[in-house]
Amino acid sequence: MSDFESQGLKAGNWTGTLLRPTAPKRVLLTHLGLLVAEARVRPVQPGSWRIEVAIPPECLSDGVQSLTLLADDGEGDQPMPGAERLAALSLVAGAPLDLDLRAEIDLIRAELELLKREFRRIVTG
């Protein structure tokens, strides 16, 4: 369970509060598995950190876009393996939303059927 509380998205900036004794070395925003921005981490009070990251315009397009906030102790242009997932933000825009949502629901149904099949195989087998 994450100790990040999102305050939402306003004017292209996603903000939230991270509650823990020390701040992570860095907090990253990823989109489609790629690093797109590094968040600013500022102390609010002891054990409380304000996280703010600007959503790059190139991440915005028609359909459903998923952005993930990660914390790690690394450096460089990619998140470290095992980076901690703090939160996810889904942005929905444009006309083809019905098709995107139906595709997502179909994918979830297919995955659920696979899980049910495997569970039954393990239980009976």
N, C-alpha and C. Protein backbone atom coordinates (compact mmCIF):
# COMPACT_ATOMS: atom_id res chain seq x y z
N MET A 1 0.84 -1.18 0.00
CA MET A 1 0.00 0.00 0.00
C MET A 1 0.88 1.24 0.00
N SER A 2 0.56 2.18 -0.86
CA SER A 2 1.36 3.38 -0.99
C SER A 2 1.01 4.40 0.08
N ASP A 3 2.00 5.18 0.45
CA ASP A 3 1.79 6.26 1.41
C ASP A 3 1.69 7.60 0.68
N PHE A 4 1.26 7.56 -0.59
CA PHE A 4 1.08 8.75 -1.41
C PHE A 4 -0.40 9.07 -1.50
N GLU A 5 -0.73 10.33 -1.23
CA GLU A 5 -2.11 10.78 -1.34
C GLU A 5 -2.18 11.84 -2.43
N SER A 6 -2.88 11.54 -3.51
CA SER A 6 -2.97 12.45 -4.64
C SER A 6 -3.90 13.61 -4.32
N GLN A 7 -3.47 14.83 -4.68
CA GLN A 7 -4.33 16.00 -4.59
C GLN A 7 -4.92 16.35 -5.95
N GLY A 8 -4.61 15.53 -6.96
CA GLY A 8 -5.23 15.71 -8.26
C GLY A 8 -4.36 16.41 -9.28
N LEU A 9 -4.99 16.68 -10.40
CA LEU A 9 -4.34 17.27 -11.56
C LEU A 9 -4.96 18.64 -11.82
N LYS A 10 -4.13 19.68 -11.80
CA LYS A 10 -4.60 21.04 -12.07
C LYS A 10 -3.58 21.75 -12.95
N ALA A 11 -4.07 22.36 -14.02
CA ALA A 11 -3.23 23.13 -14.92
C ALA A 11 -2.02 22.33 -15.40
N GLY A 12 -2.23 21.03 -15.61
CA GLY A 12 -1.17 20.18 -16.13
C GLY A 12 -0.17 19.70 -15.09
N ASN A 13 -0.39 20.02 -13.81
CA ASN A 13 0.50 19.58 -12.74
C ASN A 13 -0.23 18.60 -11.84
N TRP A 14 0.39 17.45 -11.61
CA TRP A 14 -0.13 16.43 -10.71
C TRP A 14 0.57 16.62 -9.37
N THR A 15 -0.20 16.80 -8.32
CA THR A 15 0.39 17.03 -7.00
C THR A 15 -0.16 16.02 -6.00
N GLY A 16 0.63 15.82 -4.95
CA GLY A 16 0.22 14.92 -3.90
C GLY A 16 1.15 15.03 -2.71
N THR A 17 0.83 14.29 -1.68
CA THR A 17 1.62 14.28 -0.46
C THR A 17 2.12 12.87 -0.20
N LEU A 18 3.39 12.76 0.10
CA LEU A 18 4.01 11.49 0.44
C LEU A 18 4.32 11.50 1.93
N LEU A 19 3.80 10.52 2.64
CA LEU A 19 3.99 10.44 4.08
C LEU A 19 4.98 9.33 4.40
N ARG A 20 6.19 9.71 4.81
CA ARG A 20 7.22 8.77 5.24
C ARG A 20 8.34 9.56 5.90
N PRO A 21 9.15 8.92 6.71
CA PRO A 21 10.18 9.65 7.47
C PRO A 21 11.20 10.40 6.60
N THR A 22 11.61 9.77 5.49
CA THR A 22 12.58 10.42 4.61
C THR A 22 12.05 10.40 3.18
N ALA A 23 12.46 11.39 2.42
CA ALA A 23 12.04 11.48 1.02
C ALA A 23 12.83 10.49 0.17
N PRO A 24 12.22 9.95 -0.89
CA PRO A 24 12.99 9.12 -1.80
C PRO A 24 14.03 9.97 -2.52
N LYS A 25 15.08 9.33 -3.02
CA LYS A 25 16.13 10.07 -3.72
C LYS A 25 15.54 10.79 -4.93
N ARG A 26 14.64 10.10 -5.64
CA ARG A 26 13.97 10.75 -6.77
C ARG A 26 12.60 10.13 -6.98
N VAL A 27 11.70 10.91 -7.58
CA VAL A 27 10.36 10.47 -7.93
C VAL A 27 10.19 10.75 -9.41
N LEU A 28 9.77 9.72 -10.15
CA LEU A 28 9.71 9.78 -11.61
C LEU A 28 8.29 9.57 -12.12
N LEU A 29 8.00 10.19 -13.26
CA LEU A 29 6.73 9.98 -13.95
C LEU A 29 7.02 9.18 -15.21
N THR A 30 6.30 8.06 -15.39
CA THR A 30 6.49 7.25 -16.59
C THR A 30 5.19 7.18 -17.37
N HIS A 31 5.35 7.01 -18.67
CA HIS A 31 4.22 6.84 -19.59
C HIS A 31 4.65 5.81 -20.61
N LEU A 32 3.85 4.78 -20.79
CA LEU A 32 4.17 3.67 -21.69
C LEU A 32 5.53 3.05 -21.36
N GLY A 33 5.85 3.02 -20.06
CA GLY A 33 7.08 2.41 -19.60
C GLY A 33 8.32 3.27 -19.73
N LEU A 34 8.17 4.49 -20.22
CA LEU A 34 9.32 5.37 -20.41
C LEU A 34 9.27 6.55 -19.45
N LEU A 35 10.43 6.97 -18.99
CA LEU A 35 10.52 8.14 -18.13
C LEU A 35 10.17 9.38 -18.94
N VAL A 36 9.22 10.17 -18.44
CA VAL A 36 8.82 11.38 -19.15
C VAL A 36 9.07 12.65 -18.35
N ALA A 37 9.21 12.53 -17.02
CA ALA A 37 9.47 13.72 -16.19
C ALA A 37 9.96 13.28 -14.82
N GLU A 38 10.67 14.18 -14.17
CA GLU A 38 11.08 13.95 -12.79
C GLU A 38 10.32 14.93 -11.90
N ALA A 39 9.77 14.42 -10.83
CA ALA A 39 8.95 15.23 -9.94
C ALA A 39 9.81 16.05 -8.99
N ARG A 40 9.23 17.15 -8.52
CA ARG A 40 9.86 17.95 -7.47
C ARG A 40 9.37 17.43 -6.13
N VAL A 41 10.29 17.26 -5.21
CA VAL A 41 9.96 16.77 -3.87
C VAL A 41 10.37 17.85 -2.88
N ARG A 42 9.39 18.37 -2.12
CA ARG A 42 9.67 19.43 -1.14
C ARG A 42 9.13 19.03 0.21
N PRO A 43 9.85 19.35 1.27
CA PRO A 43 9.33 19.04 2.60
C PRO A 43 8.16 19.96 2.95
N VAL A 44 7.14 19.40 3.59
CA VAL A 44 6.00 20.17 4.08
C VAL A 44 6.13 20.33 5.58
N GLN A 45 6.38 19.22 6.24
CA GLN A 45 6.63 19.15 7.68
C GLN A 45 7.36 17.84 7.92
N PRO A 46 7.86 17.59 9.10
CA PRO A 46 8.57 16.33 9.32
C PRO A 46 7.69 15.12 8.96
N GLY A 47 8.22 14.28 8.08
CA GLY A 47 7.49 13.08 7.66
C GLY A 47 6.48 13.30 6.56
N SER A 48 6.42 14.50 6.00
CA SER A 48 5.45 14.82 4.94
C SER A 48 6.17 15.55 3.81
N TRP A 49 5.98 15.06 2.58
CA TRP A 49 6.67 15.61 1.42
C TRP A 49 5.66 15.94 0.33
N ARG A 50 5.79 17.12 -0.25
CA ARG A 50 4.92 17.52 -1.37
C ARG A 50 5.59 17.06 -2.66
N ILE A 51 4.83 16.32 -3.46
CA ILE A 51 5.30 15.83 -4.74
C ILE A 51 4.54 16.58 -5.83
N GLU A 52 5.26 17.15 -6.78
CA GLU A 52 4.63 17.87 -7.88
C GLU A 52 5.37 17.55 -9.17
N VAL A 53 4.59 17.20 -10.20
CA VAL A 53 5.19 16.89 -11.50
C VAL A 53 4.31 17.44 -12.61
N ALA A 54 4.94 18.06 -13.59
CA ALA A 54 4.22 18.58 -14.75
C ALA A 54 4.02 17.45 -15.76
N ILE A 55 2.81 17.32 -16.26
CA ILE A 55 2.51 16.31 -17.27
C ILE A 55 2.96 16.86 -18.63
N PRO A 56 3.92 16.21 -19.29
CA PRO A 56 4.37 16.72 -20.59
C PRO A 56 3.25 16.64 -21.63
N PRO A 57 3.12 17.65 -22.47
CA PRO A 57 2.05 17.66 -23.48
C PRO A 57 2.10 16.46 -24.42
N GLU A 58 3.28 15.91 -24.68
CA GLU A 58 3.37 14.77 -25.59
C GLU A 58 2.72 13.50 -25.02
N CYS A 59 2.38 13.51 -23.75
CA CYS A 59 1.69 12.37 -23.13
C CYS A 59 0.18 12.45 -23.34
N LEU A 60 -0.30 13.57 -23.84
CA LEU A 60 -1.74 13.79 -24.00
C LEU A 60 -2.15 13.51 -25.43
N SER A 61 -3.11 12.60 -25.59
CA SER A 61 -3.66 12.30 -26.92
C SER A 61 -5.00 11.62 -26.73
N ASP A 62 -5.70 11.38 -27.81
CA ASP A 62 -6.99 10.71 -27.75
C ASP A 62 -6.85 9.34 -27.11
N GLY A 63 -7.87 8.95 -26.37
CA GLY A 63 -7.88 7.64 -25.76
C GLY A 63 -7.55 7.72 -24.28
N VAL A 64 -7.19 6.57 -23.73
CA VAL A 64 -6.86 6.47 -22.32
C VAL A 64 -5.34 6.41 -22.19
N GLN A 65 -4.78 7.33 -21.45
CA GLN A 65 -3.34 7.37 -21.20
C GLN A 65 -3.10 7.10 -19.72
N SER A 66 -2.18 6.21 -19.42
CA SER A 66 -1.86 5.88 -18.03
C SER A 66 -0.47 6.37 -17.68
N LEU A 67 -0.39 7.15 -16.62
CA LEU A 67 0.88 7.67 -16.13
C LEU A 67 1.14 7.06 -14.76
N THR A 68 2.39 6.74 -14.48
CA THR A 68 2.74 6.10 -13.22
C THR A 68 3.81 6.90 -12.51
N LEU A 69 3.63 7.10 -11.23
CA LEU A 69 4.58 7.80 -10.38
C LEU A 69 5.41 6.75 -9.64
N LEU A 70 6.73 6.78 -9.83
CA LEU A 70 7.63 5.80 -9.23
C LEU A 70 8.66 6.49 -8.35
N ALA A 71 9.07 5.81 -7.30
CA ALA A 71 10.14 6.31 -6.43
C ALA A 71 11.28 5.30 -6.47
N ASP A 72 12.50 5.81 -6.61
CA ASP A 72 13.68 4.92 -6.55
C ASP A 72 14.87 5.69 -6.02
N ASP A 73 15.97 5.00 -5.88
CA ASP A 73 17.20 5.61 -5.39
C ASP A 73 18.25 5.68 -6.49
N GLY A 74 17.82 5.60 -7.73
CA GLY A 74 18.75 5.54 -8.86
C GLY A 74 19.09 6.87 -9.47
N GLU A 75 19.80 6.76 -10.55
CA GLU A 75 20.19 7.90 -11.37
C GLU A 75 20.00 7.50 -12.81
N GLY A 76 20.12 8.45 -13.69
CA GLY A 76 20.05 8.13 -15.11
C GLY A 76 18.69 8.43 -15.70
N ASP A 77 18.49 7.89 -16.91
CA ASP A 77 17.30 8.25 -17.67
C ASP A 77 16.21 7.17 -17.64
N GLN A 78 16.33 6.17 -16.78
CA GLN A 78 15.31 5.15 -16.64
C GLN A 78 15.12 4.81 -15.16
N PRO A 79 13.91 4.40 -14.80
CA PRO A 79 13.69 3.96 -13.42
C PRO A 79 14.51 2.70 -13.15
N MET A 80 14.95 2.55 -11.92
CA MET A 80 15.67 1.35 -11.53
C MET A 80 14.72 0.17 -11.47
N PRO A 81 15.20 -1.04 -11.77
CA PRO A 81 14.35 -2.21 -11.56
C PRO A 81 13.95 -2.27 -10.09
N GLY A 82 12.71 -2.59 -9.86
CA GLY A 82 12.22 -2.64 -8.48
C GLY A 82 11.82 -1.30 -7.91
N ALA A 83 11.70 -0.28 -8.76
CA ALA A 83 11.25 1.04 -8.29
C ALA A 83 9.87 0.90 -7.66
N GLU A 84 9.64 1.65 -6.60
CA GLU A 84 8.36 1.59 -5.89
C GLU A 84 7.29 2.38 -6.63
N ARG A 85 6.15 1.75 -6.86
CA ARG A 85 5.02 2.42 -7.51
C ARG A 85 4.25 3.19 -6.46
N LEU A 86 4.22 4.51 -6.59
CA LEU A 86 3.51 5.35 -5.64
C LEU A 86 2.05 5.53 -6.01
N ALA A 87 1.79 5.76 -7.31
CA ALA A 87 0.42 6.03 -7.76
C ALA A 87 0.34 5.93 -9.27
N ALA A 88 -0.88 5.87 -9.76
CA ALA A 88 -1.14 5.88 -11.21
C ALA A 88 -2.23 6.90 -11.49
N LEU A 89 -2.13 7.52 -12.64
CA LEU A 89 -3.11 8.52 -13.07
C LEU A 89 -3.55 8.15 -14.47
N SER A 90 -4.86 8.03 -14.68
CA SER A 90 -5.40 7.74 -16.00
C SER A 90 -6.04 9.00 -16.55
N LEU A 91 -5.67 9.34 -17.77
CA LEU A 91 -6.24 10.50 -18.45
C LEU A 91 -7.06 10.00 -19.63
N VAL A 92 -8.28 10.49 -19.76
CA VAL A 92 -9.18 10.06 -20.81
C VAL A 92 -9.55 11.27 -21.64
N ALA A 93 -9.36 11.15 -22.97
CA ALA A 93 -9.66 12.29 -23.84
C ALA A 93 -10.04 11.82 -25.24
N GLY A 94 -10.76 12.68 -25.94
CA GLY A 94 -11.03 12.45 -27.35
C GLY A 94 -12.26 11.64 -27.66
N ALA A 95 -12.52 11.50 -28.96
CA ALA A 95 -13.73 10.84 -29.45
C ALA A 95 -13.71 9.32 -29.36
N PRO A 96 -12.59 8.66 -29.57
CA PRO A 96 -12.64 7.18 -29.62
C PRO A 96 -12.70 6.51 -28.24
N LEU A 97 -13.21 7.19 -27.24
CA LEU A 97 -13.23 6.63 -25.89
C LEU A 97 -14.05 5.35 -25.79
N ASP A 98 -15.19 5.30 -26.46
CA ASP A 98 -16.03 4.11 -26.37
C ASP A 98 -15.26 2.87 -26.81
N LEU A 99 -14.54 2.99 -27.92
CA LEU A 99 -13.77 1.84 -28.41
C LEU A 99 -12.66 1.47 -27.44
N ASP A 100 -11.95 2.46 -26.89
CA ASP A 100 -10.88 2.18 -25.94
C ASP A 100 -11.41 1.49 -24.69
N LEU A 101 -12.51 2.00 -24.16
CA LEU A 101 -13.07 1.41 -22.94
C LEU A 101 -13.58 0.00 -23.19
N ARG A 102 -14.20 -0.23 -24.34
CA ARG A 102 -14.66 -1.59 -24.66
C ARG A 102 -13.47 -2.54 -24.80
N ALA A 103 -12.42 -2.07 -25.42
CA ALA A 103 -11.22 -2.91 -25.58
C ALA A 103 -10.62 -3.25 -24.21
N GLU A 104 -10.57 -2.27 -23.32
CA GLU A 104 -10.04 -2.51 -21.97
C GLU A 104 -10.91 -3.51 -21.22
N ILE A 105 -12.22 -3.37 -21.32
CA ILE A 105 -13.13 -4.31 -20.63
C ILE A 105 -12.98 -5.71 -21.21
N ASP A 106 -12.86 -5.82 -22.54
CA ASP A 106 -12.65 -7.13 -23.16
C ASP A 106 -11.35 -7.76 -22.68
N LEU A 107 -10.31 -6.97 -22.56
CA LEU A 107 -9.02 -7.47 -22.08
C LEU A 107 -9.13 -7.95 -20.63
N ILE A 108 -9.80 -7.18 -19.80
CA ILE A 108 -9.99 -7.58 -18.40
C ILE A 108 -10.80 -8.87 -18.32
N ARG A 109 -11.84 -9.00 -19.13
CA ARG A 109 -12.63 -10.23 -19.13
C ARG A 109 -11.79 -11.43 -19.55
N ALA A 110 -10.98 -11.26 -20.57
CA ALA A 110 -10.13 -12.35 -21.03
C ALA A 110 -9.13 -12.76 -19.96
N GLU A 111 -8.55 -11.79 -19.28
CA GLU A 111 -7.60 -12.09 -18.20
C GLU A 111 -8.30 -12.79 -17.04
N LEU A 112 -9.50 -12.37 -16.72
CA LEU A 112 -10.27 -13.00 -15.65
C LEU A 112 -10.59 -14.45 -16.00
N GLU A 113 -10.97 -14.71 -17.24
CA GLU A 113 -11.25 -16.08 -17.67
C GLU A 113 -10.00 -16.94 -17.57
N LEU A 114 -8.85 -16.41 -17.94
CA LEU A 114 -7.59 -17.13 -17.82
C LEU A 114 -7.30 -17.47 -16.35
N LEU A 115 -7.48 -16.50 -15.47
CA LEU A 115 -7.26 -16.74 -14.05
C LEU A 115 -8.22 -17.80 -13.50
N LYS A 116 -9.48 -17.72 -13.90
CA LYS A 116 -10.44 -18.71 -13.43
C LYS A 116 -10.06 -20.11 -13.91
N ARG A 117 -9.66 -20.24 -15.17
CA ARG A 117 -9.26 -21.52 -15.72
C ARG A 117 -8.06 -22.10 -14.96
N GLU A 118 -7.06 -21.25 -14.71
CA GLU A 118 -5.87 -21.70 -14.00
C GLU A 118 -6.19 -22.06 -12.55
N PHE A 119 -7.03 -21.29 -11.91
CA PHE A 119 -7.43 -21.59 -10.54
C PHE A 119 -8.13 -22.94 -10.48
N ARG A 120 -9.06 -23.17 -11.40
CA ARG A 120 -9.76 -24.45 -11.42
C ARG A 120 -8.79 -25.61 -11.67
N ARG A 121 -7.83 -25.40 -12.54
CA ARG A 121 -6.84 -26.44 -12.84
C ARG A 121 -6.03 -26.77 -11.61
N ILE A 122 -5.62 -25.74 -10.87
CA ILE A 122 -4.80 -25.96 -9.67
C ILE A 122 -5.61 -26.65 -8.57
N VAL A 123 -6.85 -26.22 -8.40
CA VAL A 123 -7.69 -26.75 -7.32
C VAL A 123 -8.07 -28.21 -7.60
N THR A 124 -8.38 -28.54 -8.85
CA THR A 124 -8.82 -29.90 -9.17
C THR A 124 -7.67 -30.82 -9.50
N GLY A 125 -6.50 -30.28 -9.68
CA GLY A 125 -5.47 -31.05 -10.21
C GLY A 125 -4.45 -31.72 -9.53
